[in-house]
N, C-alpha and C. Protein backbone atom coordinates (compact mmCIF):
# COMPACT_ATOMS: atom_id res chain seq x y z
N MET A 1 0.83 -1.18 0.00
CA MET A 1 0.00 0.00 0.00
C MET A 1 0.88 1.24 0.00
N PRO A 2 0.52 2.27 -0.76
CA PRO A 2 1.32 3.47 -0.78
C PRO A 2 1.33 4.14 0.59
N SER A 3 2.46 4.73 0.94
CA SER A 3 2.61 5.35 2.25
C SER A 3 2.22 6.82 2.23
N ARG A 4 1.95 7.39 1.08
CA ARG A 4 1.57 8.79 1.00
C ARG A 4 0.29 8.89 0.18
N LEU A 5 -0.39 10.01 0.37
CA LEU A 5 -1.59 10.25 -0.42
C LEU A 5 -1.20 10.45 -1.86
N GLN A 6 -1.78 9.69 -2.76
CA GLN A 6 -1.43 9.78 -4.17
C GLN A 6 -2.57 10.34 -4.99
N PRO A 7 -2.22 11.05 -6.07
CA PRO A 7 -3.28 11.44 -6.99
C PRO A 7 -3.86 10.16 -7.61
N PRO A 8 -5.07 10.24 -8.18
CA PRO A 8 -5.69 9.03 -8.74
C PRO A 8 -4.82 8.29 -9.75
N VAL A 9 -4.08 9.01 -10.58
CA VAL A 9 -3.21 8.34 -11.56
C VAL A 9 -2.15 7.51 -10.85
N GLY A 10 -1.55 8.05 -9.82
CA GLY A 10 -0.52 7.33 -9.08
C GLY A 10 -1.07 6.13 -8.34
N ALA A 11 -2.22 6.30 -7.72
CA ALA A 11 -2.82 5.19 -6.97
C ALA A 11 -3.16 4.04 -7.92
N PHE A 12 -3.74 4.36 -9.07
CA PHE A 12 -4.09 3.31 -10.03
C PHE A 12 -2.83 2.66 -10.59
N SER A 13 -1.82 3.46 -10.92
CA SER A 13 -0.56 2.92 -11.44
C SER A 13 0.05 1.96 -10.44
N ASP A 14 0.02 2.32 -9.18
CA ASP A 14 0.57 1.46 -8.13
C ASP A 14 -0.16 0.12 -8.10
N ARG A 15 -1.47 0.15 -8.19
CA ARG A 15 -2.25 -1.10 -8.16
C ARG A 15 -2.01 -1.94 -9.41
N VAL A 16 -1.93 -1.31 -10.58
CA VAL A 16 -1.68 -2.06 -11.81
C VAL A 16 -0.30 -2.73 -11.74
N LEU A 17 0.69 -1.99 -11.29
CA LEU A 17 2.03 -2.57 -11.19
C LEU A 17 2.08 -3.70 -10.18
N ALA A 18 1.42 -3.54 -9.06
CA ALA A 18 1.40 -4.60 -8.04
C ALA A 18 0.74 -5.85 -8.61
N ARG A 19 -0.26 -5.67 -9.45
CA ARG A 19 -0.95 -6.82 -10.05
C ARG A 19 -0.13 -7.45 -11.17
N ASP A 20 0.38 -6.62 -12.07
CA ASP A 20 1.09 -7.13 -13.25
C ASP A 20 2.50 -7.63 -12.94
N LEU A 21 3.18 -6.97 -12.02
CA LEU A 21 4.58 -7.30 -11.71
C LEU A 21 4.73 -7.51 -10.20
N PRO A 22 4.23 -8.64 -9.70
CA PRO A 22 4.20 -8.86 -8.25
C PRO A 22 5.57 -8.89 -7.59
N ASP A 23 6.62 -9.18 -8.34
CA ASP A 23 7.96 -9.25 -7.75
C ASP A 23 8.74 -7.94 -7.82
N LEU A 24 8.12 -6.89 -8.35
CA LEU A 24 8.79 -5.60 -8.42
C LEU A 24 8.93 -5.03 -7.01
N ALA A 25 10.15 -4.71 -6.63
CA ALA A 25 10.41 -4.20 -5.28
C ALA A 25 9.63 -2.91 -5.05
N SER A 26 9.20 -2.70 -3.82
CA SER A 26 8.36 -1.54 -3.51
C SER A 26 9.06 -0.21 -3.80
N ASP A 27 10.38 -0.14 -3.59
CA ASP A 27 11.07 1.10 -3.90
C ASP A 27 11.09 1.37 -5.41
N ARG A 28 11.25 0.32 -6.19
CA ARG A 28 11.20 0.48 -7.64
C ARG A 28 9.80 0.85 -8.10
N ARG A 29 8.80 0.20 -7.52
CA ARG A 29 7.42 0.51 -7.89
C ARG A 29 7.10 1.97 -7.58
N ALA A 30 7.54 2.45 -6.44
CA ALA A 30 7.31 3.86 -6.08
C ALA A 30 8.00 4.79 -7.08
N GLU A 31 9.19 4.42 -7.52
CA GLU A 31 9.90 5.24 -8.51
C GLU A 31 9.15 5.27 -9.84
N VAL A 32 8.63 4.13 -10.25
CA VAL A 32 7.88 4.05 -11.50
C VAL A 32 6.59 4.86 -11.40
N VAL A 33 5.89 4.74 -10.28
CA VAL A 33 4.64 5.49 -10.08
C VAL A 33 4.93 6.99 -10.14
N ALA A 34 6.00 7.43 -9.51
CA ALA A 34 6.37 8.85 -9.55
C ALA A 34 6.64 9.28 -10.99
N PHE A 35 7.28 8.42 -11.78
CA PHE A 35 7.54 8.73 -13.18
C PHE A 35 6.22 8.89 -13.95
N VAL A 36 5.29 7.97 -13.75
CA VAL A 36 4.00 8.05 -14.43
C VAL A 36 3.29 9.34 -14.05
N GLU A 37 3.30 9.68 -12.77
CA GLU A 37 2.67 10.93 -12.33
C GLU A 37 3.30 12.15 -13.01
N ARG A 38 4.64 12.16 -13.08
CA ARG A 38 5.33 13.28 -13.72
C ARG A 38 4.97 13.37 -15.20
N ARG A 39 4.94 12.24 -15.88
CA ARG A 39 4.63 12.23 -17.32
C ARG A 39 3.21 12.73 -17.58
N VAL A 40 2.27 12.29 -16.77
CA VAL A 40 0.89 12.75 -16.94
C VAL A 40 0.80 14.24 -16.65
N ALA A 41 1.50 14.70 -15.63
CA ALA A 41 1.48 16.13 -15.29
C ALA A 41 2.09 17.00 -16.39
N SER A 42 2.98 16.42 -17.19
CA SER A 42 3.64 17.20 -18.24
C SER A 42 2.94 17.10 -19.60
N MET A 43 1.82 16.39 -19.67
CA MET A 43 1.08 16.26 -20.92
C MET A 43 0.45 17.61 -21.28
N PRO A 44 0.17 17.82 -22.57
CA PRO A 44 -0.56 19.03 -22.96
C PRO A 44 -1.91 19.08 -22.24
N SER A 45 -2.40 20.26 -21.96
CA SER A 45 -3.62 20.45 -21.15
C SER A 45 -4.82 19.60 -21.58
N PRO A 46 -5.20 19.56 -22.85
CA PRO A 46 -6.39 18.76 -23.21
C PRO A 46 -6.19 17.27 -22.90
N MET A 47 -5.02 16.78 -23.19
CA MET A 47 -4.72 15.37 -22.94
C MET A 47 -4.70 15.10 -21.43
N ARG A 48 -4.03 15.95 -20.69
CA ARG A 48 -3.95 15.81 -19.23
C ARG A 48 -5.34 15.85 -18.61
N THR A 49 -6.20 16.73 -19.13
CA THR A 49 -7.57 16.82 -18.62
C THR A 49 -8.32 15.51 -18.87
N GLY A 50 -8.19 14.96 -20.05
CA GLY A 50 -8.85 13.69 -20.37
C GLY A 50 -8.36 12.56 -19.48
N VAL A 51 -7.06 12.48 -19.29
CA VAL A 51 -6.49 11.44 -18.43
C VAL A 51 -6.95 11.65 -16.99
N SER A 52 -7.00 12.88 -16.55
CA SER A 52 -7.44 13.18 -15.18
C SER A 52 -8.91 12.81 -14.97
N VAL A 53 -9.74 13.09 -15.95
CA VAL A 53 -11.16 12.73 -15.84
C VAL A 53 -11.30 11.21 -15.76
N ALA A 54 -10.58 10.49 -16.61
CA ALA A 54 -10.63 9.03 -16.55
C ALA A 54 -10.13 8.53 -15.20
N ALA A 55 -9.05 9.11 -14.72
CA ALA A 55 -8.47 8.69 -13.43
C ALA A 55 -9.45 8.93 -12.28
N ILE A 56 -10.12 10.06 -12.29
CA ILE A 56 -11.07 10.38 -11.22
C ILE A 56 -12.27 9.44 -11.30
N ALA A 57 -12.76 9.17 -12.49
CA ALA A 57 -13.90 8.26 -12.65
C ALA A 57 -13.54 6.85 -12.19
N ILE A 58 -12.34 6.41 -12.54
CA ILE A 58 -11.90 5.07 -12.12
C ILE A 58 -11.71 5.02 -10.62
N GLU A 59 -11.18 6.07 -10.05
CA GLU A 59 -10.98 6.10 -8.60
C GLU A 59 -12.34 6.10 -7.88
N ALA A 60 -13.32 6.79 -8.44
CA ALA A 60 -14.67 6.77 -7.86
C ALA A 60 -15.25 5.36 -7.92
N GLY A 61 -15.06 4.70 -9.05
CA GLY A 61 -15.51 3.31 -9.18
C GLY A 61 -14.80 2.39 -8.21
N ALA A 62 -13.52 2.66 -7.97
CA ALA A 62 -12.75 1.86 -7.02
C ALA A 62 -13.31 1.99 -5.61
N ARG A 63 -13.78 3.17 -5.28
CA ARG A 63 -14.38 3.37 -3.95
C ARG A 63 -15.71 2.63 -3.83
N LEU A 64 -16.41 2.47 -4.94
CA LEU A 64 -17.70 1.78 -4.92
C LEU A 64 -17.57 0.27 -4.85
N ILE A 65 -16.72 -0.30 -5.71
CA ILE A 65 -16.64 -1.77 -5.77
C ILE A 65 -15.34 -2.33 -5.21
N GLY A 66 -14.43 -1.47 -4.81
CA GLY A 66 -13.14 -1.92 -4.28
C GLY A 66 -12.03 -1.72 -5.28
N ALA A 67 -10.93 -1.17 -4.82
CA ALA A 67 -9.81 -0.82 -5.71
C ALA A 67 -9.21 -2.04 -6.39
N ASP A 68 -8.94 -3.09 -5.63
CA ASP A 68 -8.33 -4.27 -6.24
C ASP A 68 -9.26 -4.95 -7.23
N ARG A 69 -10.51 -5.03 -6.88
CA ARG A 69 -11.49 -5.66 -7.77
C ARG A 69 -11.61 -4.89 -9.09
N LEU A 70 -11.71 -3.57 -9.00
CA LEU A 70 -11.82 -2.76 -10.22
C LEU A 70 -10.54 -2.84 -11.05
N THR A 71 -9.39 -2.81 -10.38
CA THR A 71 -8.12 -2.90 -11.11
C THR A 71 -8.03 -4.21 -11.87
N ARG A 72 -8.40 -5.32 -11.22
CA ARG A 72 -8.40 -6.63 -11.90
C ARG A 72 -9.32 -6.60 -13.11
N LEU A 73 -10.52 -6.05 -12.95
CA LEU A 73 -11.48 -5.98 -14.03
C LEU A 73 -10.94 -5.18 -15.21
N LEU A 74 -10.43 -3.99 -14.94
CA LEU A 74 -9.93 -3.13 -16.01
C LEU A 74 -8.67 -3.68 -16.66
N ALA A 75 -7.83 -4.34 -15.88
CA ALA A 75 -6.58 -4.89 -16.43
C ALA A 75 -6.85 -6.08 -17.35
N ARG A 76 -7.96 -6.78 -17.12
CA ARG A 76 -8.29 -7.95 -17.94
C ARG A 76 -9.16 -7.65 -19.14
N ARG A 77 -10.00 -6.64 -19.03
CA ARG A 77 -10.97 -6.35 -20.08
C ARG A 77 -10.80 -4.93 -20.61
N PRO A 78 -10.35 -4.81 -21.85
CA PRO A 78 -10.17 -3.46 -22.42
C PRO A 78 -11.52 -2.82 -22.76
N LEU A 79 -12.02 -2.01 -21.87
CA LEU A 79 -13.28 -1.31 -22.08
C LEU A 79 -13.01 0.02 -22.77
N PRO A 80 -14.01 0.59 -23.43
CA PRO A 80 -13.80 1.90 -24.08
C PRO A 80 -13.32 2.94 -23.06
N ILE A 81 -12.42 3.75 -23.45
CA ILE A 81 -11.80 4.84 -22.68
C ILE A 81 -10.95 4.30 -21.53
N THR A 82 -11.54 3.50 -20.67
CA THR A 82 -10.75 2.97 -19.55
C THR A 82 -9.64 2.05 -20.05
N GLY A 83 -9.89 1.35 -21.15
CA GLY A 83 -8.85 0.50 -21.73
C GLY A 83 -7.66 1.31 -22.19
N GLU A 84 -7.93 2.49 -22.75
CA GLU A 84 -6.84 3.37 -23.17
C GLU A 84 -6.06 3.88 -21.97
N TYR A 85 -6.76 4.14 -20.90
CA TYR A 85 -6.13 4.62 -19.67
C TYR A 85 -5.20 3.54 -19.10
N VAL A 86 -5.67 2.31 -19.08
CA VAL A 86 -4.84 1.20 -18.59
C VAL A 86 -3.61 1.04 -19.50
N ARG A 87 -3.81 1.13 -20.80
CA ARG A 87 -2.68 1.01 -21.75
C ARG A 87 -1.67 2.13 -21.54
N LEU A 88 -2.14 3.33 -21.29
CA LEU A 88 -1.24 4.46 -21.02
C LEU A 88 -0.39 4.18 -19.78
N VAL A 89 -1.04 3.77 -18.71
CA VAL A 89 -0.32 3.49 -17.46
C VAL A 89 0.70 2.37 -17.67
N ARG A 90 0.28 1.30 -18.32
CA ARG A 90 1.21 0.18 -18.57
C ARG A 90 2.35 0.60 -19.49
N SER A 91 2.04 1.32 -20.54
CA SER A 91 3.06 1.74 -21.49
C SER A 91 4.14 2.59 -20.81
N LEU A 92 3.72 3.59 -20.06
CA LEU A 92 4.69 4.44 -19.35
C LEU A 92 5.47 3.62 -18.33
N SER A 93 4.77 2.79 -17.59
CA SER A 93 5.41 2.00 -16.52
C SER A 93 6.41 1.00 -17.08
N TYR A 94 5.97 0.20 -18.04
CA TYR A 94 6.85 -0.85 -18.58
C TYR A 94 8.08 -0.25 -19.27
N THR A 95 7.86 0.82 -20.01
CA THR A 95 9.00 1.47 -20.68
C THR A 95 10.01 1.94 -19.65
N TYR A 96 9.54 2.59 -18.61
CA TYR A 96 10.46 3.07 -17.57
C TYR A 96 11.20 1.91 -16.92
N ILE A 97 10.47 0.86 -16.58
CA ILE A 97 11.09 -0.28 -15.89
C ILE A 97 12.18 -0.89 -16.74
N TRP A 98 11.87 -1.25 -18.00
CA TRP A 98 12.87 -1.97 -18.78
C TRP A 98 13.94 -1.06 -19.39
N GLU A 99 13.70 0.24 -19.41
CA GLU A 99 14.77 1.17 -19.80
C GLU A 99 15.71 1.43 -18.62
N THR A 100 15.17 1.49 -17.43
CA THR A 100 15.96 1.79 -16.24
C THR A 100 16.65 0.55 -15.69
N TRP A 101 15.94 -0.56 -15.67
CA TRP A 101 16.48 -1.83 -15.13
C TRP A 101 16.26 -2.93 -16.16
N PRO A 102 17.08 -2.98 -17.21
CA PRO A 102 16.84 -3.91 -18.32
C PRO A 102 16.88 -5.39 -17.93
N ASP A 103 17.45 -5.71 -16.80
CA ASP A 103 17.52 -7.11 -16.39
C ASP A 103 16.31 -7.55 -15.55
N THR A 104 15.28 -6.71 -15.48
CA THR A 104 14.08 -7.04 -14.72
C THR A 104 13.39 -8.26 -15.35
N THR A 105 12.96 -9.18 -14.50
CA THR A 105 12.27 -10.38 -15.00
C THR A 105 10.85 -10.04 -15.39
N PRO A 106 10.17 -10.93 -16.13
CA PRO A 106 8.79 -10.65 -16.53
C PRO A 106 7.80 -10.46 -15.38
N THR A 107 8.17 -10.89 -14.17
CA THR A 107 7.30 -10.68 -13.02
C THR A 107 7.76 -9.48 -12.19
N GLY A 108 8.78 -8.78 -12.67
CA GLY A 108 9.25 -7.59 -11.99
C GLY A 108 10.42 -7.81 -11.04
N GLY A 109 10.88 -9.04 -10.92
CA GLY A 109 11.97 -9.34 -10.00
C GLY A 109 13.33 -9.01 -10.56
N ARG A 110 14.29 -9.14 -9.69
CA ARG A 110 15.70 -8.96 -10.09
C ARG A 110 16.29 -10.33 -10.30
N PRO A 111 17.07 -10.48 -11.36
CA PRO A 111 17.65 -11.81 -11.62
C PRO A 111 18.60 -12.27 -10.54
């Protein structure tokens, strides 16, 4: 669980990474989440607004049905708009992970 209050993009990124890469060390996961947050914050305004709206809607859904349950659902089923949001989070996260630590295993561990 994150130790600080995170914006919705960071909280969702953290959950997706924990689900997709269970062996990724918590310090590395925190670094990747911070990278995703920075990248979203630096997007052009219209794009950032769209991502923020999706993030807020997903976070509201997480409060209703549970964060882990919603993350599992969205990670498995590419739904309109939310599927693009999941792909964005994964794309930024995976690129950062394998560019920064190229020897990372497919489950996020260190060899």
